[in-house]
C-alpha atoms as a PDB file:
ATOM      1  CA  UNK A   1     -18.203  -3.386   8.699  1.00  0.00           C
ATOM      2  CA  UNK A   2     -18.456   0.403   8.722  1.00  0.00           C
ATOM      3  CA  UNK A   3     -19.353   2.281   5.572  1.00  0.00           C
ATOM      4  CA  UNK A   4     -17.273   5.261   6.761  1.00  0.00           C
ATOM      5  CA  UNK A   5     -13.562   5.996   6.356  1.00  0.00           C
ATOM      6  CA  UNK A   6     -11.802   7.961   9.111  1.00  0.00           C
ATOM      7  CA  UNK A   7      -9.786  10.829   7.638  1.00  0.00           C
ATOM      8  CA  UNK A   8      -8.947  12.616  10.915  1.00  0.00           C
ATOM      9  CA  UNK A   9      -8.944  11.605  14.567  1.00  0.00           C
ATOM     10  CA  UNK A  10      -7.551  13.648  17.444  1.00  0.00           C
ATOM     11  CA  UNK A  11      -4.389  12.248  19.049  1.00  0.00           C
ATOM     12  CA  UNK A  12      -1.929  13.315  21.727  1.00  0.00           C
ATOM     13  CA  UNK A  13       0.176  15.083  19.109  1.00  0.00           C
ATOM     14  CA  UNK A  14      -2.714  16.321  16.985  1.00  0.00           C
ATOM     15  CA  UNK A  15      -1.492  18.490  14.106  1.00  0.00           C
ATOM     16  CA  UNK A  16       2.062  18.317  15.505  1.00  0.00           C
ATOM     17  CA  UNK A  17       1.267  20.837  18.233  1.00  0.00           C
ATOM     18  CA  UNK A  18       3.038  19.052  21.115  1.00  0.00           C
ATOM     19  CA  UNK A  19       6.204  18.369  19.144  1.00  0.00           C
ATOM     20  CA  UNK A  20       6.342  21.961  17.921  1.00  0.00           C
ATOM     21  CA  UNK A  21       5.688  23.338  21.406  1.00  0.00           C
ATOM     22  CA  UNK A  22       8.348  21.170  23.035  1.00  0.00           C
ATOM     23  CA  UNK A  23      10.861  22.256  20.389  1.00  0.00           C
ATOM     24  CA  UNK A  24      10.046  25.931  20.949  1.00  0.00           C
ATOM     25  CA  UNK A  25      10.287  25.579  24.734  1.00  0.00           C
ATOM     26  CA  UNK A  26      13.602  23.725  24.376  1.00  0.00           C
ATOM     27  CA  UNK A  27      14.995  26.607  22.294  1.00  0.00           C
ATOM     28  CA  UNK A  28      14.003  29.131  24.974  1.00  0.00           C
ATOM     29  CA  UNK A  29      15.397  27.019  27.804  1.00  0.00           C
ATOM     30  CA  UNK A  30      18.637  26.357  25.923  1.00  0.00           C
ATOM     31  CA  UNK A  31      19.259  30.040  25.186  1.00  0.00           C
ATOM     32  CA  UNK A  32      18.382  31.082  28.757  1.00  0.00           C
ATOM     33  CA  UNK A  33      20.625  28.351  30.179  1.00  0.00           C
ATOM     34  CA  UNK A  34      23.485  29.331  27.872  1.00  0.00           C
ATOM     35  CA  UNK A  35      23.230  32.916  29.122  1.00  0.00           C
ATOM     36  CA  UNK A  36      23.291  31.775  32.762  1.00  0.00           C
ATOM     37  CA  UNK A  37      26.268  29.501  32.114  1.00  0.00           C
ATOM     38  CA  UNK A  38      28.020  32.410  30.378  1.00  0.00           C
ATOM     39  CA  UNK A  39      27.611  34.618  33.456  1.00  0.00           C
ATOM     40  CA  UNK A  40      28.818  31.839  35.767  1.00  0.00           C
ATOM     41  CA  UNK A  41      31.877  31.175  33.568  1.00  0.00           C
ATOM     42  CA  UNK A  42      32.791  34.862  33.372  1.00  0.00           C
ATOM     43  CA  UNK A  43      32.408  35.257  37.113  1.00  0.00           C
ATOM     44  CA  UNK A  44      34.585  32.207  37.838  1.00  0.00           C
ATOM     45  CA  UNK A  45      37.293  33.234  35.379  1.00  0.00           C
ATOM     46  CA  UNK A  46      37.146  36.862  36.478  1.00  0.00           C
ATOM     47  CA  UNK A  47      37.629  37.758  32.837  1.00  0.00           C
ATOM     48  CA  UNK A  48      36.675  41.148  31.484  1.00  0.00           C
ATOM     49  CA  UNK A  49      33.378  40.993  33.361  1.00  0.00           C
ATOM     50  CA  UNK A  50      31.663  44.215  32.156  1.00  0.00           C
ATOM     51  CA  UNK A  51      32.632  43.944  28.484  1.00  0.00           C
ATOM     52  CA  UNK A  52      31.379  40.407  27.904  1.00  0.00           C
ATOM     53  CA  UNK A  53      28.416  40.528  30.225  1.00  0.00           C
ATOM     54  CA  UNK A  54      26.074  42.009  27.616  1.00  0.00           C
ATOM     55  CA  UNK A  55      25.886  38.871  25.441  1.00  0.00           C
ATOM     56  CA  UNK A  56      24.990  36.644  28.393  1.00  0.00           C
ATOM     57  CA  UNK A  57      22.382  39.078  29.688  1.00  0.00           C
ATOM     58  CA  UNK A  58      20.956  39.441  26.182  1.00  0.00           C
ATOM     59  CA  UNK A  59      20.655  35.641  25.868  1.00  0.00           C
ATOM     60  CA  UNK A  60      18.871  35.380  29.212  1.00  0.00           C
ATOM     61  CA  UNK A  61      16.486  38.216  28.325  1.00  0.00           C
ATOM     62  CA  UNK A  62      15.793  36.847  24.857  1.00  0.00           C
ATOM     63  CA  UNK A  63      15.242  33.305  26.219  1.00  0.00           C
ATOM     64  CA  UNK A  64      12.779  34.506  28.859  1.00  0.00           C
ATOM     65  CA  UNK A  65      10.951  36.651  26.293  1.00  0.00           C
ATOM     66  CA  UNK A  66      10.780  33.642  23.912  1.00  0.00           C
ATOM     67  CA  UNK A  67       9.398  31.392  26.673  1.00  0.00           C
ATOM     68  CA  UNK A  68       6.774  33.969  27.655  1.00  0.00           C
ATOM     69  CA  UNK A  69       5.619  34.255  24.031  1.00  0.00           C
ATOM     70  CA  UNK A  70       5.196  30.493  23.747  1.00  0.00           C
ATOM     71  CA  UNK A  71       3.406  29.779  27.032  1.00  0.00           C
ATOM     72  CA  UNK A  72      -0.028  29.915  25.316  1.00  0.00           C
ATOM     73  CA  UNK A  73       1.147  27.120  22.982  1.00  0.00           C
ATOM     74  CA  UNK A  74       2.132  25.094  26.040  1.00  0.00           C
ATOM     75  CA  UNK A  75      -1.400  25.507  27.432  1.00  0.00           C
ATOM     76  CA  UNK A  76      -2.918  24.321  24.149  1.00  0.00           C
ATOM     77  CA  UNK A  77      -0.509  21.424  23.752  1.00  0.00           C
ATOM     78  CA  UNK A  78      -0.987  20.022  27.237  1.00  0.00           C
ATOM     79  CA  UNK A  79      -4.227  21.151  28.870  1.00  0.00           C
ATOM     80  CA  UNK A  80      -6.449  21.589  25.806  1.00  0.00           C
ATOM     81  CA  UNK A  81      -5.375  18.389  24.015  1.00  0.00           C
ATOM     82  CA  UNK A  82      -5.680  16.287  27.182  1.00  0.00           C
ATOM     83  CA  UNK A  83      -9.133  17.688  27.886  1.00  0.00           C
ATOM     84  CA  UNK A  84     -10.361  17.069  24.326  1.00  0.00           C
ATOM     85  CA  UNK A  85      -8.851  13.560  24.261  1.00  0.00           C
ATOM     86  CA  UNK A  86     -10.666  12.739  27.509  1.00  0.00           C
ATOM     87  CA  UNK A  87     -13.965  14.029  26.094  1.00  0.00           C
ATOM     88  CA  UNK A  88     -13.502  12.092  22.843  1.00  0.00           C
ATOM     89  CA  UNK A  89     -12.293   8.809  24.382  1.00  0.00           C
ATOM     90  CA  UNK A  90     -15.072   8.765  26.968  1.00  0.00           C
ATOM     91  CA  UNK A  91     -17.802   9.340  24.416  1.00  0.00           C
ATOM     92  CA  UNK A  92     -18.768  12.794  25.672  1.00  0.00           C
ATOM     93  CA  UNK A  93     -18.341  14.475  22.300  1.00  0.00           C
ATOM     94  CA  UNK A  94     -21.299  15.283  20.096  1.00  0.00           C
ATOM     95  CA  UNK A  95     -21.782  13.401  16.830  1.00  0.00           C
ATOM     96  CA  UNK A  96     -23.453  14.816  13.759  1.00  0.00           C
ATOM     97  CA  UNK A  97     -23.938  13.195  10.371  1.00  0.00           C
ATOM     98  CA  UNK A  98     -25.118  14.506   7.049  1.00  0.00           C
ATOM     99  CA  UNK A  99     -24.187  16.089   3.750  1.00  0.00           C
ATOM    100  CA  UNK A 100     -21.640  18.913   3.822  1.00  0.00           C
ATOM    101  CA  UNK A 101     -22.666  22.308   2.511  1.00  0.00           C
ATOM    102  CA  UNK A 102     -19.816  24.788   1.982  1.00  0.00           C
ATOM    103  CA  UNK A 103     -20.723  28.427   2.703  1.00  0.00           C
ATOM    104  CA  UNK A 104     -17.204  29.897   2.391  1.00  0.00           C
ATOM    105  CA  UNK A 105     -13.863  28.560   1.143  1.00  0.00           C
ATOM    106  CA  UNK A 106     -10.605  29.815   2.579  1.00  0.00           C
ATOM    107  CA  UNK A 107      -8.027  30.668  -0.112  1.00  0.00           C
ATOM    108  CA  UNK A 108      -4.668  28.876   0.018  1.00  0.00           C
ATOM    109  CA  UNK A 109      -2.964  32.032   1.284  1.00  0.00           C
ATOM    110  CA  UNK A 110      -5.409  32.497   4.165  1.00  0.00           C
ATOM    111  CA  UNK A 111      -6.007  36.191   4.932  1.00  0.00           C
ATOM    112  CA  UNK A 112      -9.690  35.497   5.574  1.00  0.00           C
ATOM    113  CA  UNK A 113     -11.830  33.247   7.725  1.00  0.00           C
ATOM    114  CA  UNK A 114     -11.557  29.499   7.195  1.00  0.00           C
ATOM    115  CA  UNK A 115     -13.857  27.163   5.305  1.00  0.00           C
ATOM    116  CA  UNK A 116     -17.342  27.616   6.707  1.00  0.00           C
ATOM    117  CA  UNK A 117     -19.346  24.402   6.402  1.00  0.00           C
ATOM    118  CA  UNK A 118     -22.708  23.223   7.624  1.00  0.00           C
ATOM    119  CA  UNK A 119     -23.754  19.680   8.359  1.00  0.00           C
ATOM    120  CA  UNK A 120     -27.081  18.688   9.854  1.00  0.00           C
ATOM    121  CA  UNK A 121     -27.898  22.343  10.517  1.00  0.00           C
ATOM    122  CA  UNK A 122     -24.703  22.939  12.549  1.00  0.00           C
ATOM    123  CA  UNK A 123     -22.048  25.351  11.287  1.00  0.00           C
ATOM    124  CA  UNK A 124     -18.277  24.808  11.656  1.00  0.00           C
ATOM    125  CA  UNK A 125     -15.228  26.809  10.643  1.00  0.00           C
ATOM    126  CA  UNK A 126     -12.184  24.869   9.445  1.00  0.00           C
ATOM    127  CA  UNK A 127      -9.097  27.128   9.407  1.00  0.00           C
ATOM    128  CA  UNK A 128      -5.741  25.883   8.132  1.00  0.00           C
ATOM    129  CA  UNK A 129      -3.889  28.682   9.916  1.00  0.00           C
ATOM    130  CA  UNK A 130      -5.114  28.172  13.488  1.00  0.00           C
ATOM    131  CA  UNK A 131      -3.139  26.330  16.152  1.00  0.00           C
ATOM    132  CA  UNK A 132      -5.729  23.749  17.134  1.00  0.00           C
ATOM    133  CA  UNK A 133      -5.736  20.070  18.042  1.00  0.00           C
ATOM    134  CA  UNK A 134      -8.941  19.667  16.019  1.00  0.00           C
ATOM    135  CA  UNK A 135      -9.467  19.139  12.318  1.00  0.00           C
ATOM    136  CA  UNK A 136      -8.100  22.092  10.366  1.00  0.00           C
ATOM    137  CA  UNK A 137      -7.383  20.982   6.792  1.00  0.00           C
ATOM    138  CA  UNK A 138      -9.208  23.302   4.416  1.00  0.00           C
ATOM    139  CA  UNK A 139     -10.525  22.372   0.979  1.00  0.00           C
ATOM    140  CA  UNK A 140      -7.705  24.150  -0.881  1.00  0.00           C
ATOM    141  CA  UNK A 141      -5.159  22.193   1.195  1.00  0.00           C
ATOM    142  CA  UNK A 142      -6.746  18.814   0.394  1.00  0.00           C
ATOM    143  CA  UNK A 143      -9.386  18.720   3.122  1.00  0.00           C
ATOM    144  CA  UNK A 144     -12.106  16.092   3.007  1.00  0.00           C
ATOM    145  CA  UNK A 145     -15.022  18.275   4.086  1.00  0.00           C
ATOM    146  CA  UNK A 146     -16.174  19.356   0.618  1.00  0.00           C
ATOM    147  CA  UNK A 147     -19.513  20.301  -0.882  1.00  0.00           C
ATOM    148  CA  UNK A 148     -21.894  17.320  -1.129  1.00  0.00           C
ATOM    149  CA  UNK A 149     -19.729  14.844   0.821  1.00  0.00           C
ATOM    150  CA  UNK A 150     -21.612  12.695   3.338  1.00  0.00           C
ATOM    151  CA  UNK A 151     -19.700  12.923   6.611  1.00  0.00           C
ATOM    152  CA  UNK A 152     -19.907  12.099  10.291  1.00  0.00           C
ATOM    153  CA  UNK A 153     -18.229  14.522  12.691  1.00  0.00           C
ATOM    154  CA  UNK A 154     -17.394  14.094  16.358  1.00  0.00           C
ATOM    155  CA  UNK A 155     -17.010  17.527  17.947  1.00  0.00           C
ATOM    156  CA  UNK A 156     -16.902  19.454  21.180  1.00  0.00           C
ATOM    157  CA  UNK A 157     -17.291  23.194  21.604  1.00  0.00           C
ATOM    158  CA  UNK A 158     -16.959  23.771  17.842  1.00  0.00           C
ATOM    159  CA  UNK A 159     -13.698  21.773  17.609  1.00  0.00           C
ATOM    160  CA  UNK A 160     -13.895  18.788  15.250  1.00  0.00           C
ATOM    161  CA  UNK A 161     -12.324  15.767  16.974  1.00  0.00           C
ATOM    162  CA  UNK A 162     -12.966  13.116  14.327  1.00  0.00           C
ATOM    163  CA  UNK A 163     -13.954  13.210  10.659  1.00  0.00           C
ATOM    164  CA  UNK A 164     -15.463  10.191   8.939  1.00  0.00           C
ATOM    165  CA  UNK A 165     -16.436  10.224   5.267  1.00  0.00           C
ATOM    166  CA  UNK A 166     -18.902   7.816   3.716  1.00  0.00           C
ATOM    167  CA  UNK A 167     -16.937   5.201   1.764  1.00  0.00           C
ATOM    168  CA  UNK A 168     -16.977   5.507  -2.003  1.00  0.00           C
ATOM    169  CA  UNK A 169     -17.255   9.294  -2.111  1.00  0.00           C
ATOM    170  CA  UNK A 170     -14.593  11.544  -3.656  1.00  0.00           C
ATOM    171  CA  UNK A 171     -13.593  12.946  -0.239  1.00  0.00           C
ATOM    172  CA  UNK A 172     -13.168   9.484   1.302  1.00  0.00           C
ATOM    173  CA  UNK A 173      -9.752   9.050  -0.295  1.00  0.00           C
ATOM    174  CA  UNK A 174      -8.559  12.480   0.840  1.00  0.00           C
ATOM    175  CA  UNK A 175      -6.082  12.618   3.666  1.00  0.00           C
ATOM    176  CA  UNK A 176      -7.446  14.921   6.329  1.00  0.00           C
ATOM    177  CA  UNK A 177      -4.095  15.180   8.096  1.00  0.00           C
ATOM    178  CA  UNK A 178      -1.917  18.200   7.499  1.00  0.00           C
END
């Protein structure tokens, strides 16, 4: 029996990134498609082509602009998550264990860097406002990585993939999920 409680573990939809990205891409594709359908319908009906063309062209332009803005999210939600899941599942992540020391706490409103913690001599930043598949729940938002808590972290390239808290500590009952 383990004396640690898992409060966060990376998954395929870590922090809701994939669901959010797919929704955003669907919005862009829907608007772009509606604009294309509008042009096709106006052309077929030969209805006041120049007057009503603007709305369809605007929808196509807006949809393409929206999709271009959200392509970086697509890269994070597919490539980055899959890569980190592979590293974690195949045991290639680093593991560190020790007592958490908090150097900086992010306020609830953000507007500054995230919680800066150290564990076993290694420093991590936990930022509630970043789009990341890793652990991001700050102390003020109920995060488990608090001063004096004994934790075990699985990480890769500064991204925390799994958080385990020693059972019986105040942070062990905290839900590390957003």
